[in-house]
Amino acid sequence: MSIDAHATIAREADRLAAVLARTDPAARVPTCPDWTADDLLWHLTEVHEFWAAILREGVTSEEEVQRIEEAKSPRPEDREELLARRAAATAALLEQLGAHEDEDPAWFWFSEVQGVGATRRMQPHEATVHRVDAELTADLDQLSPIAPEDALAGLDHVLQVMWPAGFEWIPDWATLRPVAVVEIAPAGYEVRQLLISRWSGARPRDGQEFDAPVGRPLADPADADGLPRARAAGTPQALDLWAWGRVRALDRLPGGPQTVNVDGDPEAVAQLEALIAEGHD
């Protein structure tokens, strides 16, 4: 399902800024407790400036990414300057997205997904999720809705990019084992199949033990043989926020509270909960 990525980025980023402009700069962000409202505003500003620079300069290597990072201007101290810089950053990102095709080369942090299209697909969800963070920070009684097509795209981005990217950080000394299969069932739409694995082992240099979940779409049904199963069902909007770790937002959605119903084998449910707990900032 295609979405208007540029319109979504503009709408959600402007909404975030408008909400935070009326919020105490020092208010804590409940979904990112290390951040204040102004930290959240700065985060989206940095993100938009960074990706605008990546596309503008045609960056394709880690060395070029480092140069972009080192060249960024410091954070403004004044709230009005920060708001103005956010607006300029979003405009710059949209300008660069409009100037490039999805197939144009550009660096992206997940090696399996490269090109301008990766940024065009990621940024609507980055803006949407952080707009939700802003509205929670402002303690609004009712959050702005997420359209079904945007929610489904956001859910699929978690399943196809955010969780699979975890495989890239698995060290070569670790052991990887599949542990569960989960059906992700958005009401009225196609069911998604998720394979959850865990990587574990002792780090050679200090013996520290690791055991963490990763997930990716189930590619081969044979990989699910013998594994415990669970099912997560809800509206596209509820599943999108749940997958992005914004469960507390479900109580404030338009039309009343929503839930994601998770049931099945207790072991599979536990593995899914562990994966969700990893979260996304």
Protein backbone atom coordinates (compact mmCIF):
# COMPACT_ATOMS: atom_id res chain seq x y z
CA MET A 1 0.00 0.00 0.00
CA SER A 2 1.59 3.28 -1.12
CA ILE A 3 1.45 6.46 0.94
CA ASP A 4 2.17 10.11 0.20
CA ALA A 5 5.47 10.16 2.07
CA HIS A 6 6.18 13.86 1.56
CA ALA A 7 2.74 14.97 2.76
CA THR A 8 3.01 12.70 5.80
CA ILE A 9 6.44 14.02 6.75
CA ALA A 10 5.31 17.64 6.43
CA ARG A 11 2.04 17.14 8.30
CA GLU A 12 3.46 15.12 11.17
CA ALA A 13 6.58 17.25 11.63
CA ASP A 14 4.53 20.46 11.67
CA ARG A 15 2.11 18.93 14.15
CA LEU A 16 4.98 17.86 16.42
CA ALA A 17 6.44 21.36 16.38
CA ALA A 18 3.08 23.04 16.99
CA VAL A 19 2.37 20.81 19.99
CA LEU A 20 5.83 21.23 21.50
CA ALA A 21 5.73 25.01 21.01
CA ARG A 22 2.91 25.04 23.59
CA THR A 23 4.62 22.59 25.94
CA ASP A 24 7.05 23.23 28.80
CA PRO A 25 10.53 22.83 27.24
CA ALA A 26 11.61 20.80 30.27
CA ALA A 27 8.64 18.40 30.24
CA ARG A 28 9.74 14.78 30.13
CA VAL A 29 8.90 12.62 27.11
CA PRO A 30 7.12 9.60 28.62
CA THR A 31 8.03 7.28 25.75
CA CYS A 32 11.68 8.42 25.73
CA PRO A 33 12.23 9.29 29.42
CA ASP A 34 15.79 10.53 28.95
CA TRP A 35 14.48 13.34 26.72
CA THR A 36 12.76 16.63 27.45
CA ALA A 37 10.28 18.28 25.09
CA ASP A 38 13.09 20.39 23.63
CA ASP A 39 15.29 17.30 23.25
CA LEU A 40 12.50 15.73 21.18
CA LEU A 41 12.19 18.85 19.05
CA TRP A 42 15.95 18.89 18.52
CA HIS A 43 15.99 15.17 17.69
CA LEU A 44 13.61 15.54 14.77
CA THR A 45 15.52 18.64 13.63
CA GLU A 46 18.80 16.72 13.65
CA VAL A 47 17.24 13.78 11.82
CA HIS A 48 15.87 15.97 9.02
CA GLU A 49 19.10 17.94 8.69
CA PHE A 50 21.14 14.74 8.59
CA TRP A 51 19.11 13.01 5.87
CA ALA A 52 18.82 16.18 3.83
CA ALA A 53 22.63 16.39 3.84
CA ILE A 54 22.99 12.70 2.97
CA LEU A 55 20.80 13.15 -0.11
CA ARG A 56 22.12 16.58 -1.09
CA GLU A 57 25.75 15.41 -1.06
CA GLY A 58 25.10 11.96 -2.50
CA VAL A 59 26.69 10.21 0.49
CA THR A 60 27.30 6.47 0.00
CA SER A 61 30.09 5.62 2.49
CA GLU A 62 30.58 5.53 6.26
CA GLU A 63 33.46 7.99 5.91
CA GLU A 64 31.18 10.52 4.26
CA VAL A 65 28.56 9.97 6.95
CA GLN A 66 31.14 10.77 9.61
CA ARG A 67 32.03 13.98 7.80
CA ILE A 68 28.35 14.99 7.78
CA GLU A 69 28.10 14.30 11.50
CA GLU A 70 31.20 16.32 12.31
CA ALA A 71 30.07 19.31 10.22
CA LYS A 72 26.64 19.80 11.83
CA SER A 73 25.90 23.09 13.54
CA PRO A 74 25.38 23.16 17.31
CA ARG A 75 21.94 23.04 18.89
CA PRO A 76 20.31 26.44 19.40
CA GLU A 77 19.71 27.46 23.01
CA ASP A 78 16.70 29.65 22.22
CA ARG A 79 13.33 27.90 21.76
CA GLU A 80 12.24 30.15 18.86
CA GLU A 81 15.52 29.54 17.06
CA LEU A 82 15.07 25.81 17.56
CA LEU A 83 11.55 25.94 16.14
CA ALA A 84 12.76 27.91 13.12
CA ARG A 85 15.60 25.48 12.54
CA ARG A 86 13.20 22.53 12.68
CA ALA A 87 11.03 24.13 10.01
CA ALA A 88 14.07 24.76 7.82
CA ALA A 89 15.33 21.20 8.36
CA THR A 90 12.02 19.66 7.32
CA ALA A 91 11.84 21.91 4.25
CA ALA A 92 15.38 20.89 3.28
CA LEU A 93 14.58 17.21 3.62
CA LEU A 94 11.43 17.51 1.52
CA GLU A 95 13.34 19.48 -1.11
CA GLN A 96 15.97 16.74 -1.39
CA LEU A 97 13.40 13.96 -1.48
CA GLY A 98 11.62 15.80 -4.28
CA ALA A 99 14.86 16.15 -6.22
CA HIS A 100 15.74 12.43 -6.23
CA GLU A 101 14.30 9.12 -7.38
CA ASP A 102 14.08 6.10 -5.10
CA GLU A 103 16.74 4.32 -7.15
CA ASP A 104 19.33 7.09 -6.74
CA PRO A 105 22.29 5.92 -4.62
CA ALA A 106 22.40 7.06 -1.01
CA TRP A 107 23.71 5.64 2.25
CA PHE A 108 21.30 4.03 4.72
CA TRP A 109 22.14 2.48 8.09
CA PHE A 110 20.79 -0.98 7.17
CA SER A 111 23.06 -2.56 4.57
CA GLU A 112 20.28 -4.65 3.02
CA VAL A 113 18.34 -1.48 2.16
CA GLN A 114 20.16 1.29 0.29
CA GLY A 115 19.23 4.24 -1.92
CA VAL A 116 17.05 7.32 -1.59
CA GLY A 117 13.94 5.15 -1.37
CA ALA A 118 15.05 3.87 2.04
CA THR A 119 14.98 7.39 3.44
CA ARG A 120 11.67 8.18 1.71
CA ARG A 121 10.10 5.10 3.33
CA MET A 122 11.61 5.66 6.79
CA GLN A 123 10.99 9.32 7.41
CA PRO A 124 7.15 9.35 7.40
CA HIS A 125 7.21 6.90 10.30
CA GLU A 126 9.99 8.73 12.14
CA ALA A 127 7.90 11.91 12.03
CA THR A 128 4.65 10.13 12.92
CA VAL A 129 6.03 8.24 15.91
CA HIS A 130 7.71 11.33 17.31
CA ARG A 131 4.53 13.37 16.77
CA VAL A 132 2.85 10.80 19.00
CA ASP A 133 5.68 11.30 21.50
CA ALA A 134 5.06 15.05 21.39
CA GLU A 135 1.34 14.70 22.02
CA LEU A 136 2.00 12.37 24.94
CA THR A 137 4.54 14.84 26.31
CA ALA A 138 1.89 17.56 26.11
CA ASP A 139 -0.48 15.17 27.94
CA LEU A 140 -3.23 15.55 25.37
CA ASP A 141 -6.43 13.67 26.15
CA GLN A 142 -6.76 12.53 22.52
CA LEU A 143 -3.98 11.96 20.01
CA SER A 144 -4.14 12.72 16.32
CA PRO A 145 -5.17 9.71 14.21
CA ILE A 146 -2.89 7.68 11.94
CA ALA A 147 -4.56 6.79 8.64
CA PRO A 148 -4.76 3.03 7.93
CA GLU A 149 -2.41 3.25 4.94
CA ASP A 150 0.20 5.14 6.97
CA ALA A 151 -0.21 2.73 9.89
CA LEU A 152 0.22 -0.35 7.70
CA ALA A 153 3.32 1.14 6.09
CA GLY A 154 4.70 1.93 9.53
CA LEU A 155 4.00 -1.59 10.74
CA ASP A 156 5.67 -3.11 7.69
CA HIS A 157 8.69 -0.85 8.16
CA VAL A 158 9.21 -2.30 11.62
CA LEU A 159 8.82 -5.86 10.32
CA GLN A 160 11.00 -5.40 7.23
CA VAL A 161 13.66 -2.92 8.41
CA MET A 162 13.73 -2.02 12.08
CA TRP A 163 13.71 -5.54 13.53
CA PRO A 164 15.73 -7.24 10.74
CA ALA A 165 18.47 -4.61 11.11
CA GLY A 166 19.26 -6.17 14.47
CA PHE A 167 20.81 -9.12 12.65
CA GLU A 168 23.63 -6.86 11.48
CA TRP A 169 24.81 -6.28 15.04
CA ILE A 170 25.08 -9.95 15.96
CA PRO A 171 28.78 -10.67 16.70
CA ASP A 172 30.50 -13.53 14.95
CA TRP A 173 31.02 -15.36 18.27
CA ALA A 174 27.28 -15.53 18.97
CA THR A 175 24.85 -18.40 18.37
CA LEU A 176 21.56 -17.67 16.61
CA ARG A 177 18.48 -19.84 17.09
CA PRO A 178 14.84 -19.42 16.00
CA VAL A 179 12.46 -19.42 18.97
CA ALA A 180 8.94 -18.43 17.86
CA VAL A 181 6.60 -17.52 15.01
CA VAL A 182 4.03 -14.76 15.39
CA GLU A 183 1.11 -13.81 13.17
CA ILE A 184 0.64 -10.03 13.01
CA ALA A 185 -3.01 -9.54 12.04
CA PRO A 186 -4.21 -6.00 11.22
CA ALA A 187 -8.03 -6.02 11.14
CA GLY A 188 -9.28 -6.17 7.55
CA TYR A 189 -5.83 -6.62 6.00
CA GLU A 190 -3.34 -9.35 5.14
CA VAL A 191 -1.70 -11.22 8.00
CA ARG A 192 2.06 -10.81 8.37
CA GLN A 193 4.29 -13.68 9.58
CA LEU A 194 7.17 -12.84 11.93
CA LEU A 195 10.02 -15.19 12.83
CA ILE A 196 11.67 -14.35 16.16
CA SER A 197 15.19 -15.59 16.88
CA ARG A 198 17.58 -15.05 19.75
CA TRP A 199 21.34 -14.56 19.61
CA SER A 200 23.41 -15.50 22.63
CA GLY A 201 26.93 -16.19 23.79
CA ALA A 202 29.83 -15.02 25.93
CA ARG A 203 31.94 -12.14 24.63
CA PRO A 204 35.51 -13.45 24.34
CA ARG A 205 37.30 -10.36 25.66
CA ASP A 206 35.52 -10.29 29.04
CA GLY A 207 33.18 -13.30 29.25
CA GLN A 208 30.04 -11.15 29.49
CA GLU A 209 26.93 -13.15 28.58
CA PHE A 210 24.42 -11.87 26.01
CA ASP A 211 20.96 -13.14 25.04
CA ALA A 212 18.74 -10.87 22.91
CA PRO A 213 15.83 -11.19 20.46
CA VAL A 214 15.75 -10.24 16.80
CA GLY A 215 12.96 -10.63 14.26
CA ARG A 216 12.28 -10.64 10.55
CA PRO A 217 9.47 -11.70 8.21
CA LEU A 218 9.10 -15.47 7.90
CA ALA A 219 10.51 -16.24 4.46
CA ASP A 220 10.28 -20.05 4.44
CA PRO A 221 7.38 -21.85 6.18
CA ALA A 222 9.75 -24.73 6.90
CA ASP A 223 11.63 -22.42 9.28
CA ALA A 224 8.53 -22.40 11.51
CA ASP A 225 8.33 -26.17 11.96
CA GLY A 226 8.11 -27.11 15.62
CA LEU A 227 8.29 -23.54 16.92
CA PRO A 228 5.78 -22.13 19.42
CA ARG A 229 3.26 -19.75 17.86
CA ALA A 230 1.41 -16.61 18.90
CA ARG A 231 -0.88 -14.06 17.27
CA ALA A 232 -1.09 -10.28 17.69
CA ALA A 233 -4.28 -8.68 16.39
CA GLY A 234 -5.66 -5.16 16.33
CA THR A 235 -6.41 -2.19 14.12
CA PRO A 236 -3.61 -1.04 11.81
CA GLN A 237 -3.16 2.06 13.99
CA ALA A 238 -2.91 0.07 17.22
CA LEU A 239 -0.47 -2.47 15.74
CA ASP A 240 1.68 0.30 14.27
CA LEU A 241 2.06 2.09 17.62
CA TRP A 242 2.53 -1.22 19.44
CA ALA A 243 5.31 -2.33 17.09
CA TRP A 244 7.07 1.03 17.51
CA GLY A 245 6.94 0.63 21.30
CA ARG A 246 4.25 3.30 21.87
CA VAL A 247 1.75 1.10 23.71
CA ARG A 248 0.85 3.86 26.15
CA ALA A 249 -0.57 5.84 23.22
CA LEU A 250 -3.33 3.26 22.69
CA ASP A 251 -5.41 4.65 25.54
CA ARG A 252 -5.69 8.08 23.87
CA LEU A 253 -6.63 7.28 20.31
CA PRO A 254 -9.58 8.93 18.54
CA GLY A 255 -12.76 6.95 19.13
CA GLY A 256 -11.57 5.61 22.46
CA PRO A 257 -8.89 3.25 23.79
CA GLN A 258 -7.66 0.43 21.58
CA THR A 259 -5.75 -2.74 22.37
CA VAL A 260 -3.49 -5.22 20.66
CA ASN A 261 -4.70 -8.70 21.56
CA VAL A 262 -1.82 -11.15 21.93
CA ASP A 263 -2.48 -14.82 22.54
CA GLY A 264 -1.01 -18.22 21.81
CA ASP A 265 1.78 -20.35 23.23
CA PRO A 266 3.12 -18.66 26.39
CA GLU A 267 6.73 -19.08 25.21
CA ALA A 268 5.97 -17.39 21.88
CA VAL A 269 4.12 -14.58 23.67
CA ALA A 270 7.12 -14.08 25.97
CA GLN A 271 9.53 -13.90 23.03
CA LEU A 272 7.30 -11.35 21.30
CA GLU A 273 7.11 -9.23 24.44
CA ALA A 274 10.90 -9.31 24.71
CA LEU A 275 11.26 -8.15 21.12
CA ILE A 276 8.76 -5.30 21.63
CA ALA A 277 10.60 -4.27 24.80
CA GLU A 278 13.72 -3.55 22.74
CA GLY A 279 11.91 -0.41 21.56
CA HIS A 280 12.74 2.25 18.96
CA ASP A 281 13.77 5.86 19.68
